[in-house]
């Protein structure tokens, strides 16, 4: 990841065309925006987009990933460059680590336990002390990733209930629902979690790691990049729960930011713009890094998380999942 490039969030329907060494974004109101290809880290499409072969070839040549979210904020997939940074030594080590059940389960337990601690940090509550204690006991007894995921699900149900107590009635989740989300709160969480996952996919593509060789989701999700799913987990509370709680307190979100039908809900056009701006602002937030002795953005923290796995593969440096220290 280079500091000179950035993510472009396309929240409206558009056509994407090549114009020399730039992308030309054509909007429905006939306005056009030219973006130098060297300024782009990746693209996140929140709505319909028409990409032709010339534009895709340019994106591929510059190793740029295009993330696609569906109408309900679910991660639909990505247009990824043909070339990547994979290296044989790292892939062999990554494969060996994920094939070793003892090491894989240790990392999976650590991911789930740290994520739970991050949820408590994001909600700033002591109401989850007992669920965390139960989770700790269940993780110690779990003998496979399915049992670990089950323990995580139990804790998550408690945490969603606590989050609901901090939200106005119209924004409450009333249980986590996906594909499609059934209410405004779930639609918000789906969008933000998908973006967090997309940020981790981009971070992993800047490393020699293979994004499909994971630890926690390895045996439960056959379609997506399981390592990206794993490493995104500790960051989800930093964005989804934290931003939703803050937006509710500051009354940033309105009912008109969502479109609801029977049993399904999604962000409206204005809602997509508002939520993408909230996420962009949060990703650019900086904190002082204790080891690097400089400020790093939340976006860079995601990249550093991917590098931890590289160090685990190459140097056998123990992996400790991200936990806020501020």
Foldseek 3Di string as FASTA:
>chain_A
DDPQADEAEALAEWEWDDDPQWIWTQHPVRDIDTGRLVRHLEYEYNDHYHYDPRRLVSCLVVQYKYWYADQLQATPDIDGHPDFQADDLLAVLLQVQQVPQVNLLVLQLLLLLLLLVLLCVLLVDPPLVVLSVVLVVQSVVDRHLVSNVVSSVVSVQVSLVVLQVLADPQQRQNDADPPHRQGNVNSQLSNLLNVLLVLLVSLLRNDNYQQQRHRRCVPPDDPDRRNSVSQSSSCSSVQSSNLNSVCRVVVVDDPQQKDHDHRGIHGDSVVSVSSVVSVVVQQQDWDQDPVVRGIDGVSVVSSVLSVLSSCCSPVVDDHRHDHDPD
